[in-house]
C-alpha atoms as a PDB file:
ATOM      1  CA  UNK A   1      12.418   2.113   9.019  1.00  0.00           C
ATOM      2  CA  UNK A   2      14.437  -0.244   6.820  1.00  0.00           C
ATOM      3  CA  UNK A   3      17.317  -0.259   9.318  1.00  0.00           C
ATOM      4  CA  UNK A   4      15.199  -1.557  12.204  1.00  0.00           C
ATOM      5  CA  UNK A   5      16.520  -4.880  13.401  1.00  0.00           C
ATOM      6  CA  UNK A   6      14.206  -5.116  16.378  1.00  0.00           C
ATOM      7  CA  UNK A   7      11.989  -2.511  17.914  1.00  0.00           C
ATOM      8  CA  UNK A   8       9.301  -4.314  19.876  1.00  0.00           C
ATOM      9  CA  UNK A   9      10.891  -5.707  23.025  1.00  0.00           C
ATOM     10  CA  UNK A  10       9.921  -8.853  24.884  1.00  0.00           C
ATOM     11  CA  UNK A  11       8.262  -6.694  27.541  1.00  0.00           C
ATOM     12  CA  UNK A  12       6.208  -4.741  24.992  1.00  0.00           C
ATOM     13  CA  UNK A  13       5.084  -7.927  23.243  1.00  0.00           C
ATOM     14  CA  UNK A  14       4.090  -9.406  26.625  1.00  0.00           C
ATOM     15  CA  UNK A  15       2.159  -6.229  27.479  1.00  0.00           C
ATOM     16  CA  UNK A  16       0.378  -6.382  24.111  1.00  0.00           C
ATOM     17  CA  UNK A  17      -0.600 -10.029  24.638  1.00  0.00           C
ATOM     18  CA  UNK A  18      -1.739  -9.323  28.187  1.00  0.00           C
ATOM     19  CA  UNK A  19      -3.959  -6.483  27.017  1.00  0.00           C
ATOM     20  CA  UNK A  20      -5.263  -8.176  23.866  1.00  0.00           C
ATOM     21  CA  UNK A  21      -5.935 -11.648  25.264  1.00  0.00           C
ATOM     22  CA  UNK A  22      -6.394 -10.809  28.948  1.00  0.00           C
ATOM     23  CA  UNK A  23      -3.455 -13.086  29.846  1.00  0.00           C
ATOM     24  CA  UNK A  24      -2.004 -12.958  33.319  1.00  0.00           C
ATOM     25  CA  UNK A  25       1.598 -11.704  33.519  1.00  0.00           C
ATOM     26  CA  UNK A  26       3.156 -15.177  33.583  1.00  0.00           C
ATOM     27  CA  UNK A  27       1.182 -16.453  30.580  1.00  0.00           C
ATOM     28  CA  UNK A  28       1.851 -13.247  28.641  1.00  0.00           C
ATOM     29  CA  UNK A  29       5.585 -13.595  29.248  1.00  0.00           C
ATOM     30  CA  UNK A  30       5.635 -17.265  28.180  1.00  0.00           C
ATOM     31  CA  UNK A  31       3.723 -16.449  25.004  1.00  0.00           C
ATOM     32  CA  UNK A  32       5.856 -13.382  24.292  1.00  0.00           C
ATOM     33  CA  UNK A  33       9.003 -15.508  24.545  1.00  0.00           C
ATOM     34  CA  UNK A  34       7.516 -17.870  21.966  1.00  0.00           C
ATOM     35  CA  UNK A  35       6.652 -14.969  19.657  1.00  0.00           C
ATOM     36  CA  UNK A  36      10.126 -13.483  20.075  1.00  0.00           C
ATOM     37  CA  UNK A  37      11.763 -16.867  19.391  1.00  0.00           C
ATOM     38  CA  UNK A  38       9.799 -17.180  16.142  1.00  0.00           C
ATOM     39  CA  UNK A  39      10.634 -13.620  15.096  1.00  0.00           C
ATOM     40  CA  UNK A  40      14.336 -14.225  15.669  1.00  0.00           C
ATOM     41  CA  UNK A  41      14.162 -17.467  13.663  1.00  0.00           C
ATOM     42  CA  UNK A  42      12.460 -15.641  10.793  1.00  0.00           C
ATOM     43  CA  UNK A  43      15.180 -12.987  10.883  1.00  0.00           C
ATOM     44  CA  UNK A  44      17.954 -15.616  10.972  1.00  0.00           C
ATOM     45  CA  UNK A  45      16.434 -17.349   7.942  1.00  0.00           C
ATOM     46  CA  UNK A  46      16.401 -14.055   6.049  1.00  0.00           C
ATOM     47  CA  UNK A  47      12.621 -13.669   5.813  1.00  0.00           C
ATOM     48  CA  UNK A  48      12.453 -10.462   7.858  1.00  0.00           C
ATOM     49  CA  UNK A  49      14.891  -7.793   8.961  1.00  0.00           C
ATOM     50  CA  UNK A  50      12.956  -6.720  12.049  1.00  0.00           C
ATOM     51  CA  UNK A  51       9.658  -6.037  13.752  1.00  0.00           C
ATOM     52  CA  UNK A  52       7.912  -3.143  15.479  1.00  0.00           C
ATOM     53  CA  UNK A  53       4.528  -1.945  16.698  1.00  0.00           C
ATOM     54  CA  UNK A  54       2.868   0.395  14.213  1.00  0.00           C
ATOM     55  CA  UNK A  55       0.842   3.491  15.067  1.00  0.00           C
ATOM     56  CA  UNK A  56      -2.266   1.311  15.522  1.00  0.00           C
ATOM     57  CA  UNK A  57      -0.528  -0.965  18.019  1.00  0.00           C
ATOM     58  CA  UNK A  58      -0.219  -3.901  15.623  1.00  0.00           C
ATOM     59  CA  UNK A  59       2.977  -5.925  15.458  1.00  0.00           C
ATOM     60  CA  UNK A  60       4.467  -5.394  12.005  1.00  0.00           C
ATOM     61  CA  UNK A  61       7.217  -7.361  10.305  1.00  0.00           C
ATOM     62  CA  UNK A  62       9.836  -5.807   8.041  1.00  0.00           C
ATOM     63  CA  UNK A  63      10.336  -8.202   5.124  1.00  0.00           C
ATOM     64  CA  UNK A  64      13.847  -8.660   3.811  1.00  0.00           C
ATOM     65  CA  UNK A  65      14.841  -7.405   0.366  1.00  0.00           C
ATOM     66  CA  UNK A  66      14.918 -11.032  -0.827  1.00  0.00           C
ATOM     67  CA  UNK A  67      11.319 -11.613   0.279  1.00  0.00           C
ATOM     68  CA  UNK A  68      10.186  -8.316  -1.225  1.00  0.00           C
ATOM     69  CA  UNK A  69      11.780  -9.323  -4.524  1.00  0.00           C
ATOM     70  CA  UNK A  70       9.915 -12.639  -4.403  1.00  0.00           C
ATOM     71  CA  UNK A  71       6.617 -10.885  -3.729  1.00  0.00           C
ATOM     72  CA  UNK A  72       7.057  -8.180  -6.366  1.00  0.00           C
ATOM     73  CA  UNK A  73       9.898  -9.285  -8.670  1.00  0.00           C
ATOM     74  CA  UNK A  74       9.348  -6.526 -11.251  1.00  0.00           C
ATOM     75  CA  UNK A  75       9.742  -3.629  -8.846  1.00  0.00           C
END
């Protein structure tokens, strides 16, 4: 999974928000665009390499090697 650059699409994030928060389609899409914008910014800054929905339907972030080294420098 380390090579994932993006797996959860705008549409899947909108569907998740719609289901989880009972948003209407328009609100879910607006919120999903905000989430996607923030994910892209985090990737551009080198904090994450990607994102995906795990087997439990939760949005997961893939931390960059730099961040992982900062979290666990001895590993």
